[in-house]
N, C-alpha and C. Protein backbone atom coordinates (compact mmCIF):
# COMPACT_ATOMS: atom_id res chain seq x y z
N MET A 1 40.35 -15.24 -24.40
CA MET A 1 41.42 -15.26 -23.42
C MET A 1 41.98 -16.67 -23.28
N PHE A 2 43.21 -16.72 -22.77
CA PHE A 2 43.92 -17.99 -22.60
C PHE A 2 44.61 -17.98 -21.23
N THR A 3 45.30 -19.07 -20.91
CA THR A 3 45.96 -19.16 -19.60
C THR A 3 47.47 -19.32 -19.69
N GLY A 4 48.01 -19.52 -20.88
CA GLY A 4 49.45 -19.69 -21.02
C GLY A 4 49.93 -21.09 -20.72
N ILE A 5 49.01 -22.06 -20.70
CA ILE A 5 49.38 -23.45 -20.49
C ILE A 5 49.21 -24.19 -21.82
N ILE A 6 50.30 -24.63 -22.40
CA ILE A 6 50.27 -25.23 -23.73
C ILE A 6 49.66 -26.62 -23.67
N GLU A 7 48.75 -26.89 -24.63
CA GLU A 7 48.03 -28.16 -24.66
C GLU A 7 48.51 -29.10 -25.75
N LYS A 8 49.00 -28.53 -26.84
CA LYS A 8 49.42 -29.32 -27.98
C LYS A 8 50.61 -28.67 -28.67
N ILE A 9 51.31 -29.47 -29.44
CA ILE A 9 52.31 -28.96 -30.37
C ILE A 9 51.78 -29.20 -31.78
N GLY A 10 51.68 -28.14 -32.56
CA GLY A 10 51.26 -28.27 -33.94
C GLY A 10 52.46 -28.20 -34.87
N LYS A 11 52.24 -28.59 -36.12
CA LYS A 11 53.32 -28.54 -37.11
C LYS A 11 52.83 -27.82 -38.36
N VAL A 12 53.68 -26.94 -38.89
CA VAL A 12 53.32 -26.19 -40.09
C VAL A 12 53.24 -27.14 -41.28
N HIS A 13 52.06 -27.20 -41.89
CA HIS A 13 51.82 -28.05 -43.05
C HIS A 13 51.95 -27.27 -44.36
N SER A 14 51.47 -26.02 -44.35
CA SER A 14 51.53 -25.20 -45.58
C SER A 14 51.52 -23.73 -45.21
N ILE A 15 52.09 -22.91 -46.10
CA ILE A 15 52.08 -21.46 -45.96
C ILE A 15 51.78 -20.85 -47.32
N ASP A 16 50.70 -20.09 -47.40
CA ASP A 16 50.32 -19.41 -48.64
C ASP A 16 50.53 -17.91 -48.43
N ARG A 17 51.68 -17.42 -48.87
CA ARG A 17 52.05 -16.04 -48.60
C ARG A 17 51.47 -15.07 -49.62
N LYS A 18 51.01 -13.92 -49.10
CA LYS A 18 50.60 -12.79 -49.93
C LYS A 18 51.69 -11.73 -49.79
N SER A 19 51.38 -10.48 -50.09
CA SER A 19 52.39 -9.44 -49.97
C SER A 19 52.72 -9.14 -48.50
N ASP A 20 51.69 -8.86 -47.69
CA ASP A 20 51.91 -8.53 -46.29
C ASP A 20 51.15 -9.45 -45.33
N SER A 21 50.61 -10.52 -45.84
CA SER A 21 49.84 -11.44 -45.01
C SER A 21 50.01 -12.85 -45.56
N PHE A 22 49.44 -13.82 -44.88
CA PHE A 22 49.49 -15.19 -45.38
C PHE A 22 48.46 -16.06 -44.69
N VAL A 23 48.22 -17.20 -45.30
CA VAL A 23 47.35 -18.22 -44.69
C VAL A 23 48.25 -19.39 -44.32
N ILE A 24 48.10 -19.85 -43.08
CA ILE A 24 48.94 -20.94 -42.61
C ILE A 24 48.07 -22.16 -42.31
N GLY A 25 48.53 -23.32 -42.75
CA GLY A 25 47.86 -24.57 -42.44
C GLY A 25 48.69 -25.33 -41.41
N LEU A 26 48.07 -25.67 -40.30
CA LEU A 26 48.76 -26.38 -39.23
C LEU A 26 48.19 -27.77 -39.03
N GLN A 27 49.06 -28.75 -38.92
CA GLN A 27 48.64 -30.10 -38.57
C GLN A 27 48.60 -30.18 -37.05
N ILE A 28 47.39 -30.40 -36.52
CA ILE A 28 47.22 -30.51 -35.07
C ILE A 28 46.46 -31.82 -34.83
N LYS A 29 47.14 -32.80 -34.31
CA LYS A 29 46.57 -34.14 -34.17
C LYS A 29 45.72 -34.27 -32.91
N ASP A 30 44.73 -35.15 -33.00
CA ASP A 30 43.91 -35.55 -31.84
C ASP A 30 43.20 -34.38 -31.18
N VAL A 31 42.64 -33.49 -32.01
CA VAL A 31 41.81 -32.39 -31.50
C VAL A 31 40.51 -32.36 -32.29
N ASP A 32 39.55 -31.61 -31.80
CA ASP A 32 38.26 -31.51 -32.48
C ASP A 32 37.82 -30.05 -32.50
N TYR A 33 38.62 -29.20 -33.14
CA TYR A 33 38.30 -27.79 -33.24
C TYR A 33 37.20 -27.59 -34.28
N SER A 34 36.49 -26.48 -34.14
CA SER A 34 35.41 -26.14 -35.07
C SER A 34 35.74 -24.84 -35.79
N LEU A 35 35.08 -24.61 -36.93
CA LEU A 35 35.25 -23.36 -37.64
C LEU A 35 34.86 -22.20 -36.71
N GLY A 36 35.68 -21.16 -36.71
CA GLY A 36 35.42 -20.00 -35.87
C GLY A 36 36.04 -20.06 -34.49
N ASP A 37 36.59 -21.20 -34.09
CA ASP A 37 37.23 -21.30 -32.78
C ASP A 37 38.46 -20.40 -32.70
N SER A 38 38.67 -19.81 -31.53
CA SER A 38 39.87 -19.03 -31.27
C SER A 38 40.94 -19.94 -30.69
N ILE A 39 42.08 -19.99 -31.36
CA ILE A 39 43.19 -20.84 -30.95
C ILE A 39 44.43 -19.97 -30.80
N CYS A 40 45.17 -20.17 -29.73
CA CYS A 40 46.40 -19.42 -29.50
C CYS A 40 47.58 -20.18 -30.12
N ILE A 41 48.21 -19.55 -31.11
CA ILE A 41 49.34 -20.14 -31.82
C ILE A 41 50.58 -19.32 -31.50
N ASN A 42 51.53 -19.92 -30.76
CA ASN A 42 52.73 -19.19 -30.33
C ASN A 42 52.38 -17.86 -29.67
N GLY A 43 51.27 -17.86 -28.92
CA GLY A 43 50.88 -16.68 -28.20
C GLY A 43 49.99 -15.72 -28.97
N VAL A 44 49.65 -16.07 -30.21
CA VAL A 44 48.82 -15.20 -31.06
C VAL A 44 47.43 -15.80 -31.19
N CYS A 45 46.41 -15.03 -30.85
CA CYS A 45 45.03 -15.50 -30.99
C CYS A 45 44.61 -15.47 -32.45
N LEU A 46 44.30 -16.65 -33.00
CA LEU A 46 43.89 -16.78 -34.40
C LEU A 46 42.57 -17.54 -34.48
N THR A 47 41.90 -17.41 -35.62
CA THR A 47 40.58 -18.02 -35.82
C THR A 47 40.66 -19.15 -36.83
N VAL A 48 40.09 -20.30 -36.48
CA VAL A 48 40.04 -21.43 -37.42
C VAL A 48 39.13 -21.06 -38.59
N GLU A 49 39.68 -21.06 -39.81
CA GLU A 49 38.91 -20.66 -40.98
C GLU A 49 38.59 -21.82 -41.92
N LYS A 50 39.37 -22.87 -41.82
CA LYS A 50 39.16 -24.01 -42.72
C LYS A 50 39.71 -25.26 -42.04
N ILE A 51 39.03 -26.38 -42.25
CA ILE A 51 39.47 -27.66 -41.66
C ILE A 51 39.44 -28.74 -42.73
N HIS A 52 40.55 -29.45 -42.86
CA HIS A 52 40.60 -30.62 -43.73
C HIS A 52 41.34 -31.73 -42.99
N GLN A 53 40.59 -32.69 -42.50
CA GLN A 53 41.13 -33.76 -41.67
C GLN A 53 41.82 -33.14 -40.45
N ASP A 54 43.14 -33.31 -40.29
CA ASP A 54 43.80 -32.74 -39.11
C ASP A 54 44.60 -31.48 -39.46
N ILE A 55 44.26 -30.85 -40.60
CA ILE A 55 44.90 -29.60 -41.01
C ILE A 55 43.93 -28.44 -40.75
N TYR A 56 44.36 -27.49 -39.95
CA TYR A 56 43.56 -26.33 -39.59
C TYR A 56 44.20 -25.07 -40.17
N SER A 57 43.41 -24.27 -40.89
CA SER A 57 43.94 -23.09 -41.58
C SER A 57 43.56 -21.81 -40.85
N PHE A 58 44.53 -20.87 -40.82
CA PHE A 58 44.36 -19.59 -40.14
C PHE A 58 44.91 -18.49 -41.03
N SER A 59 44.22 -17.36 -41.07
CA SER A 59 44.72 -16.19 -41.79
C SER A 59 45.56 -15.33 -40.86
N ILE A 60 46.70 -14.86 -41.37
CA ILE A 60 47.60 -13.98 -40.62
C ILE A 60 47.51 -12.60 -41.25
N SER A 61 47.05 -11.62 -40.48
CA SER A 61 46.87 -10.26 -40.99
C SER A 61 48.22 -9.57 -41.16
N PRO A 62 48.25 -8.46 -41.92
CA PRO A 62 49.51 -7.72 -42.07
C PRO A 62 50.11 -7.28 -40.74
N GLU A 63 49.27 -6.83 -39.78
CA GLU A 63 49.80 -6.39 -38.49
C GLU A 63 50.44 -7.56 -37.74
N THR A 64 49.75 -8.70 -37.71
CA THR A 64 50.31 -9.88 -37.04
C THR A 64 51.58 -10.35 -37.74
N ASN A 65 51.58 -10.27 -39.05
CA ASN A 65 52.76 -10.65 -39.84
C ASN A 65 53.96 -9.78 -39.47
N ASN A 66 53.72 -8.49 -39.28
CA ASN A 66 54.81 -7.55 -38.99
C ASN A 66 55.24 -7.57 -37.53
N LEU A 67 54.32 -7.90 -36.62
CA LEU A 67 54.58 -7.74 -35.19
C LEU A 67 55.07 -9.00 -34.49
N THR A 68 54.82 -10.17 -35.07
CA THR A 68 55.10 -11.43 -34.37
C THR A 68 56.13 -12.27 -35.12
N ASN A 69 56.50 -13.39 -34.49
CA ASN A 69 57.46 -14.30 -35.14
C ASN A 69 56.79 -15.29 -36.09
N LEU A 70 55.47 -15.18 -36.27
CA LEU A 70 54.80 -16.10 -37.20
C LEU A 70 55.33 -15.93 -38.62
N ASN A 71 55.84 -14.74 -38.94
CA ASN A 71 56.38 -14.51 -40.28
C ASN A 71 57.69 -15.27 -40.52
N ARG A 72 58.24 -15.88 -39.48
CA ARG A 72 59.47 -16.66 -39.60
C ARG A 72 59.20 -18.16 -39.76
N LEU A 73 57.94 -18.54 -39.67
CA LEU A 73 57.61 -19.96 -39.75
C LEU A 73 57.86 -20.52 -41.15
N GLU A 74 58.29 -21.75 -41.18
CA GLU A 74 58.48 -22.48 -42.43
C GLU A 74 57.85 -23.86 -42.28
N LYS A 75 57.69 -24.54 -43.38
CA LYS A 75 57.07 -25.86 -43.36
C LYS A 75 57.82 -26.78 -42.40
N ASN A 76 57.05 -27.53 -41.61
CA ASN A 76 57.52 -28.49 -40.60
C ASN A 76 57.99 -27.85 -39.30
N HIS A 77 57.99 -26.52 -39.21
CA HIS A 77 58.26 -25.90 -37.93
C HIS A 77 57.15 -26.25 -36.95
N GLU A 78 57.50 -26.33 -35.66
CA GLU A 78 56.51 -26.63 -34.63
C GLU A 78 56.03 -25.34 -33.97
N VAL A 79 54.78 -25.37 -33.48
CA VAL A 79 54.20 -24.21 -32.80
C VAL A 79 53.47 -24.66 -31.54
N ASN A 80 53.42 -23.76 -30.55
CA ASN A 80 52.66 -24.00 -29.32
C ASN A 80 51.18 -23.75 -29.57
N ILE A 81 50.33 -24.62 -29.02
CA ILE A 81 48.87 -24.53 -29.22
C ILE A 81 48.15 -24.50 -27.87
N GLU A 82 47.18 -23.58 -27.75
CA GLU A 82 46.28 -23.58 -26.60
C GLU A 82 44.89 -23.14 -27.06
N THR A 83 43.85 -23.81 -26.55
CA THR A 83 42.48 -23.39 -26.84
C THR A 83 42.07 -22.30 -25.86
N SER A 84 41.01 -21.59 -26.21
CA SER A 84 40.58 -20.45 -25.39
C SER A 84 40.03 -20.89 -24.04
N LEU A 85 40.04 -19.94 -23.12
CA LEU A 85 39.60 -20.17 -21.75
C LEU A 85 38.09 -20.40 -21.70
N THR A 86 37.67 -21.40 -20.93
CA THR A 86 36.25 -21.67 -20.71
C THR A 86 35.96 -21.57 -19.21
N ILE A 87 34.69 -21.58 -18.86
CA ILE A 87 34.30 -21.43 -17.46
C ILE A 87 34.89 -22.52 -16.58
N ASN A 88 35.00 -23.75 -17.10
CA ASN A 88 35.47 -24.86 -16.28
C ASN A 88 36.95 -25.18 -16.50
N LYS A 89 37.70 -24.26 -17.13
CA LYS A 89 39.11 -24.50 -17.40
C LYS A 89 39.96 -23.93 -16.27
N LEU A 90 40.85 -24.74 -15.72
CA LEU A 90 41.71 -24.33 -14.63
C LEU A 90 42.72 -23.29 -15.12
N ILE A 91 42.83 -22.18 -14.40
CA ILE A 91 43.81 -21.15 -14.74
C ILE A 91 45.10 -21.46 -13.98
N SER A 92 45.96 -22.22 -14.61
CA SER A 92 47.22 -22.62 -13.97
C SER A 92 48.33 -21.61 -14.25
N GLY A 93 48.15 -20.77 -15.27
CA GLY A 93 49.15 -19.75 -15.58
C GLY A 93 48.65 -18.39 -15.14
N HIS A 94 48.44 -17.48 -16.12
CA HIS A 94 47.83 -16.18 -15.83
C HIS A 94 46.98 -15.80 -17.03
N ILE A 95 46.22 -14.72 -16.93
CA ILE A 95 45.35 -14.32 -18.02
C ILE A 95 46.18 -13.83 -19.21
N VAL A 96 46.02 -14.51 -20.33
CA VAL A 96 46.74 -14.20 -21.56
C VAL A 96 45.71 -13.82 -22.62
N GLN A 97 45.90 -12.70 -23.28
CA GLN A 97 44.94 -12.25 -24.27
C GLN A 97 45.17 -12.83 -25.66
N GLY A 98 46.40 -13.20 -25.95
CA GLY A 98 46.71 -13.62 -27.31
C GLY A 98 47.02 -12.43 -28.20
N HIS A 99 47.32 -11.29 -27.58
CA HIS A 99 47.68 -10.06 -28.29
C HIS A 99 49.16 -9.79 -28.05
N VAL A 100 49.99 -10.21 -28.96
CA VAL A 100 51.44 -10.08 -28.80
C VAL A 100 51.83 -8.61 -28.87
N ASP A 101 52.67 -8.18 -27.92
CA ASP A 101 53.12 -6.79 -27.86
C ASP A 101 54.36 -6.55 -28.70
N THR A 102 55.27 -7.51 -28.69
CA THR A 102 56.53 -7.34 -29.39
C THR A 102 57.23 -8.70 -29.46
N THR A 103 58.44 -8.72 -29.96
CA THR A 103 59.25 -9.94 -29.95
C THR A 103 60.55 -9.66 -29.18
N ALA A 104 61.19 -10.73 -28.75
CA ALA A 104 62.48 -10.63 -28.06
C ALA A 104 63.42 -11.67 -28.64
N GLU A 105 64.71 -11.42 -28.50
CA GLU A 105 65.73 -12.33 -29.02
C GLU A 105 66.41 -13.07 -27.88
N ILE A 106 66.56 -14.36 -28.04
CA ILE A 106 67.29 -15.16 -27.05
C ILE A 106 68.78 -14.89 -27.20
N VAL A 107 69.41 -14.39 -26.13
CA VAL A 107 70.83 -14.06 -26.18
C VAL A 107 71.66 -14.99 -25.30
N GLU A 108 70.98 -15.81 -24.50
CA GLU A 108 71.69 -16.81 -23.70
C GLU A 108 70.73 -17.94 -23.37
N ILE A 109 71.21 -19.15 -23.50
CA ILE A 109 70.41 -20.32 -23.14
C ILE A 109 71.37 -21.37 -22.57
N GLU A 110 71.07 -21.84 -21.39
CA GLU A 110 72.00 -22.73 -20.71
C GLU A 110 71.23 -23.71 -19.83
N GLN A 111 71.60 -24.98 -19.90
CA GLN A 111 71.01 -25.96 -19.02
C GLN A 111 71.66 -25.85 -17.65
N GLN A 112 70.83 -25.74 -16.62
CA GLN A 112 71.31 -25.69 -15.24
C GLN A 112 70.60 -26.79 -14.47
N ASP A 113 71.36 -27.83 -14.12
CA ASP A 113 70.79 -29.05 -13.53
C ASP A 113 69.74 -29.59 -14.52
N ASN A 114 68.49 -29.72 -14.09
CA ASN A 114 67.48 -30.28 -15.00
C ASN A 114 66.55 -29.19 -15.57
N SER A 115 66.93 -27.91 -15.38
CA SER A 115 66.15 -26.81 -15.92
C SER A 115 66.98 -26.03 -16.93
N TRP A 116 66.33 -25.03 -17.56
CA TRP A 116 66.99 -24.24 -18.59
C TRP A 116 66.87 -22.76 -18.27
N PHE A 117 68.02 -22.09 -18.25
CA PHE A 117 68.08 -20.64 -18.07
C PHE A 117 68.04 -19.98 -19.44
N ILE A 118 67.11 -19.03 -19.62
CA ILE A 118 67.00 -18.31 -20.90
C ILE A 118 67.00 -16.82 -20.62
N ARG A 119 67.92 -16.13 -21.27
CA ARG A 119 67.97 -14.66 -21.17
C ARG A 119 67.57 -14.07 -22.51
N LEU A 120 66.74 -13.05 -22.47
CA LEU A 120 66.21 -12.45 -23.69
C LEU A 120 66.50 -10.96 -23.75
N LYS A 121 66.82 -10.49 -24.94
CA LYS A 121 67.02 -9.07 -25.20
C LYS A 121 65.71 -8.48 -25.67
N LEU A 122 65.29 -7.38 -25.02
CA LEU A 122 63.99 -6.79 -25.29
C LEU A 122 64.12 -5.28 -25.43
N ASN A 123 63.34 -4.71 -26.35
CA ASN A 123 63.29 -3.26 -26.50
C ASN A 123 63.03 -2.61 -25.14
N GLY A 124 63.84 -1.63 -24.79
CA GLY A 124 63.75 -1.00 -23.47
C GLY A 124 62.39 -0.40 -23.16
N ASP A 125 61.64 0.00 -24.18
CA ASP A 125 60.31 0.58 -23.95
C ASP A 125 59.38 -0.41 -23.27
N PHE A 126 59.63 -1.70 -23.43
CA PHE A 126 58.77 -2.72 -22.86
C PHE A 126 59.27 -3.23 -21.50
N CYS A 127 60.55 -2.99 -21.21
CA CYS A 127 61.11 -3.49 -19.96
C CYS A 127 60.45 -2.87 -18.74
N LYS A 128 59.91 -1.64 -18.89
CA LYS A 128 59.27 -0.98 -17.75
C LYS A 128 58.03 -1.73 -17.26
N TYR A 129 57.46 -2.59 -18.11
CA TYR A 129 56.27 -3.34 -17.73
C TYR A 129 56.59 -4.64 -17.00
N ILE A 130 57.86 -5.02 -16.98
CA ILE A 130 58.26 -6.32 -16.46
C ILE A 130 58.86 -6.16 -15.08
N ILE A 131 58.42 -6.99 -14.14
CA ILE A 131 58.93 -6.91 -12.78
C ILE A 131 59.46 -8.27 -12.33
N HIS A 132 60.36 -8.22 -11.37
CA HIS A 132 60.91 -9.43 -10.76
C HIS A 132 59.77 -10.27 -10.17
N LYS A 133 59.70 -11.53 -10.56
CA LYS A 133 58.68 -12.50 -10.13
C LYS A 133 57.29 -12.19 -10.69
N GLY A 134 57.24 -11.29 -11.67
CA GLY A 134 55.97 -11.03 -12.34
C GLY A 134 55.72 -12.05 -13.44
N SER A 135 54.56 -11.96 -14.07
CA SER A 135 54.19 -12.89 -15.14
C SER A 135 54.51 -12.30 -16.51
N ILE A 136 54.89 -13.18 -17.43
CA ILE A 136 55.12 -12.79 -18.82
C ILE A 136 54.79 -13.98 -19.70
N THR A 137 54.46 -13.71 -20.95
CA THR A 137 54.12 -14.78 -21.88
C THR A 137 55.14 -14.85 -23.00
N LEU A 138 55.77 -16.01 -23.17
CA LEU A 138 56.72 -16.27 -24.26
C LEU A 138 56.13 -17.31 -25.19
N ASP A 139 55.90 -16.94 -26.45
CA ASP A 139 55.32 -17.86 -27.43
C ASP A 139 54.10 -18.59 -26.86
N GLY A 140 53.30 -17.84 -26.09
CA GLY A 140 52.06 -18.39 -25.56
C GLY A 140 52.18 -19.09 -24.23
N VAL A 141 53.39 -19.17 -23.67
CA VAL A 141 53.63 -19.88 -22.42
C VAL A 141 53.70 -18.89 -21.26
N SER A 142 52.90 -19.11 -20.23
CA SER A 142 52.94 -18.29 -19.03
C SER A 142 54.17 -18.64 -18.20
N LEU A 143 55.00 -17.62 -17.93
CA LEU A 143 56.23 -17.84 -17.17
C LEU A 143 56.40 -16.77 -16.10
N THR A 144 57.26 -17.06 -15.15
CA THR A 144 57.62 -16.11 -14.09
C THR A 144 58.97 -15.50 -14.41
N VAL A 145 59.06 -14.18 -14.32
CA VAL A 145 60.31 -13.47 -14.58
C VAL A 145 61.28 -13.68 -13.42
N ASN A 146 62.49 -14.14 -13.73
CA ASN A 146 63.51 -14.31 -12.70
C ASN A 146 64.20 -12.99 -12.38
N ASP A 147 64.53 -12.25 -13.42
CA ASP A 147 65.25 -10.99 -13.24
C ASP A 147 64.98 -10.12 -14.46
N VAL A 148 65.08 -8.81 -14.28
CA VAL A 148 64.85 -7.87 -15.38
C VAL A 148 65.89 -6.76 -15.32
N THR A 149 66.34 -6.32 -16.50
CA THR A 149 67.29 -5.22 -16.61
C THR A 149 66.70 -4.17 -17.56
N ASN A 150 67.48 -3.16 -17.89
CA ASN A 150 67.01 -2.13 -18.81
C ASN A 150 66.96 -2.62 -20.25
N SER A 151 67.57 -3.78 -20.51
CA SER A 151 67.63 -4.26 -21.89
C SER A 151 67.04 -5.65 -22.08
N GLY A 152 66.44 -6.22 -21.02
CA GLY A 152 65.86 -7.55 -21.18
C GLY A 152 65.51 -8.19 -19.86
N PHE A 153 65.34 -9.51 -19.91
CA PHE A 153 64.94 -10.25 -18.72
C PHE A 153 65.34 -11.70 -18.89
N ASN A 154 65.22 -12.49 -17.83
CA ASN A 154 65.50 -13.91 -17.95
C ASN A 154 64.45 -14.73 -17.20
N VAL A 155 64.34 -15.98 -17.62
CA VAL A 155 63.38 -16.93 -17.05
C VAL A 155 64.07 -18.28 -16.89
N MET A 156 63.49 -19.13 -16.05
CA MET A 156 63.93 -20.51 -15.93
C MET A 156 62.82 -21.42 -16.42
N ILE A 157 63.19 -22.41 -17.21
CA ILE A 157 62.23 -23.34 -17.79
C ILE A 157 62.37 -24.70 -17.12
N ILE A 158 61.31 -25.18 -16.49
CA ILE A 158 61.35 -26.48 -15.83
C ILE A 158 61.25 -27.60 -16.87
N PRO A 159 61.66 -28.82 -16.51
CA PRO A 159 61.68 -29.92 -17.48
C PRO A 159 60.34 -30.16 -18.19
N HIS A 160 59.22 -30.15 -17.46
CA HIS A 160 57.92 -30.41 -18.09
C HIS A 160 57.63 -29.40 -19.19
N THR A 161 57.85 -28.12 -18.89
CA THR A 161 57.60 -27.07 -19.89
C THR A 161 58.55 -27.22 -21.06
N TYR A 162 59.81 -27.49 -20.79
CA TYR A 162 60.81 -27.64 -21.86
C TYR A 162 60.44 -28.78 -22.80
N GLN A 163 59.99 -29.89 -22.26
CA GLN A 163 59.71 -31.07 -23.07
C GLN A 163 58.38 -31.00 -23.80
N ASN A 164 57.44 -30.17 -23.34
CA ASN A 164 56.09 -30.15 -23.90
C ASN A 164 55.74 -28.87 -24.63
N THR A 165 56.76 -28.09 -24.97
CA THR A 165 56.57 -26.87 -25.75
C THR A 165 57.68 -26.79 -26.81
N ILE A 166 57.61 -25.73 -27.63
CA ILE A 166 58.67 -25.55 -28.63
C ILE A 166 59.95 -25.00 -28.02
N PHE A 167 59.96 -24.79 -26.71
CA PHE A 167 61.19 -24.32 -26.06
C PHE A 167 62.37 -25.25 -26.36
N ARG A 168 62.08 -26.52 -26.54
CA ARG A 168 63.17 -27.47 -26.81
C ARG A 168 63.83 -27.22 -28.17
N THR A 169 63.21 -26.39 -29.00
CA THR A 169 63.80 -26.07 -30.32
C THR A 169 64.56 -24.74 -30.29
N TYR A 170 64.52 -24.03 -29.17
CA TYR A 170 65.16 -22.72 -29.09
C TYR A 170 66.68 -22.83 -29.18
N GLU A 171 67.27 -21.78 -29.72
CA GLU A 171 68.72 -21.67 -29.78
C GLU A 171 69.09 -20.19 -29.72
N MET A 172 70.36 -19.89 -29.64
CA MET A 172 70.81 -18.50 -29.63
C MET A 172 70.29 -17.78 -30.87
N GLY A 173 69.72 -16.60 -30.67
CA GLY A 173 69.21 -15.83 -31.79
C GLY A 173 67.75 -16.09 -32.13
N SER A 174 67.14 -17.10 -31.50
CA SER A 174 65.72 -17.36 -31.75
C SER A 174 64.89 -16.14 -31.35
N ILE A 175 63.86 -15.85 -32.14
CA ILE A 175 62.97 -14.73 -31.88
C ILE A 175 61.66 -15.28 -31.32
N VAL A 176 61.23 -14.75 -30.18
CA VAL A 176 60.03 -15.26 -29.52
C VAL A 176 59.01 -14.14 -29.34
N ASN A 177 57.73 -14.52 -29.37
CA ASN A 177 56.65 -13.57 -29.16
C ASN A 177 56.52 -13.24 -27.67
N ILE A 178 56.29 -11.97 -27.37
CA ILE A 178 56.16 -11.51 -26.00
C ILE A 178 54.81 -10.83 -25.81
N GLU A 179 54.07 -11.27 -24.79
CA GLU A 179 52.89 -10.54 -24.35
C GLU A 179 53.11 -10.10 -22.92
N ILE A 180 53.06 -8.79 -22.71
CA ILE A 180 53.22 -8.22 -21.38
C ILE A 180 51.97 -8.51 -20.56
N ASP A 181 52.14 -8.69 -19.26
CA ASP A 181 51.00 -8.89 -18.36
C ASP A 181 50.04 -7.70 -18.49
N ILE A 182 48.79 -7.97 -18.81
CA ILE A 182 47.80 -6.92 -19.06
C ILE A 182 47.64 -5.99 -17.86
N LEU A 183 47.84 -6.50 -16.64
CA LEU A 183 47.69 -5.65 -15.45
C LEU A 183 48.69 -4.50 -15.44
N ALA A 184 49.89 -4.74 -15.93
CA ALA A 184 50.91 -3.69 -15.97
C ALA A 184 50.48 -2.56 -16.90
N LYS A 185 49.86 -2.90 -18.03
CA LYS A 185 49.43 -1.88 -18.97
C LYS A 185 48.24 -1.08 -18.43
N TYR A 186 47.34 -1.75 -17.72
CA TYR A 186 46.21 -1.03 -17.12
C TYR A 186 46.69 -0.07 -16.03
N ILE A 187 47.66 -0.50 -15.24
CA ILE A 187 48.19 0.36 -14.18
C ILE A 187 48.83 1.60 -14.79
N GLU A 188 49.58 1.44 -15.88
CA GLU A 188 50.18 2.59 -16.53
C GLU A 188 49.11 3.53 -17.05
N LYS A 189 48.06 2.98 -17.63
CA LYS A 189 46.97 3.80 -18.15
C LYS A 189 46.30 4.60 -17.04
N LEU A 190 46.05 3.96 -15.93
CA LEU A 190 45.45 4.65 -14.79
C LEU A 190 46.35 5.77 -14.29
N GLY A 191 47.64 5.51 -14.26
CA GLY A 191 48.59 6.54 -13.81
C GLY A 191 48.61 7.74 -14.75
N ASN A 192 48.49 7.49 -16.04
CA ASN A 192 48.52 8.58 -17.01
C ASN A 192 47.29 9.44 -16.97
N THR A 193 46.16 8.89 -16.54
CA THR A 193 44.92 9.66 -16.49
C THR A 193 44.95 10.70 -15.38
N ASN A 194 45.87 10.56 -14.44
CA ASN A 194 45.97 11.53 -13.34
C ASN A 194 46.89 12.70 -13.67
N ASP A 195 47.54 12.65 -14.82
CA ASP A 195 48.47 13.74 -15.20
C ASP A 195 47.70 14.98 -15.66
């Protein structure tokens, strides 16, 4: 589990593509990860499989390749990094599993004073899980939903988050990983068991 608070920005060093999967090497400076550690990359929980100096390698399965925006990464692209939750780690965001549900497209991005307004287009099947002022995860970042419609939602990005995540690289048409708040999915499951 994770908290949605980004700790580092990594950079894509290498991509070894297969037919439906690939191995990605990320340069992550000033960290001391170990083999087998769970690391959240753009909201996706991955396992450290190989380490060479400051290059950490991760395998991307066919499902992750098909479901997330990791398949769009290219050399030198930046990614959001967070280590897994520990007993003494402050939960400043919300509980994030690292299990991406879907992706969304940025259809509007605008600076408003010192913050950034971002509106995203999302498959309507997922909009039912999103509520006004609820939690959502974008590329591994815990955020509060400002507003939600039948076709998407919007968020506001404060300066600290904008400057310390890959949000500063976003533009119109960018595809971002979305993880729905796990509580919404549990509530739906409980409701269905009563039918």
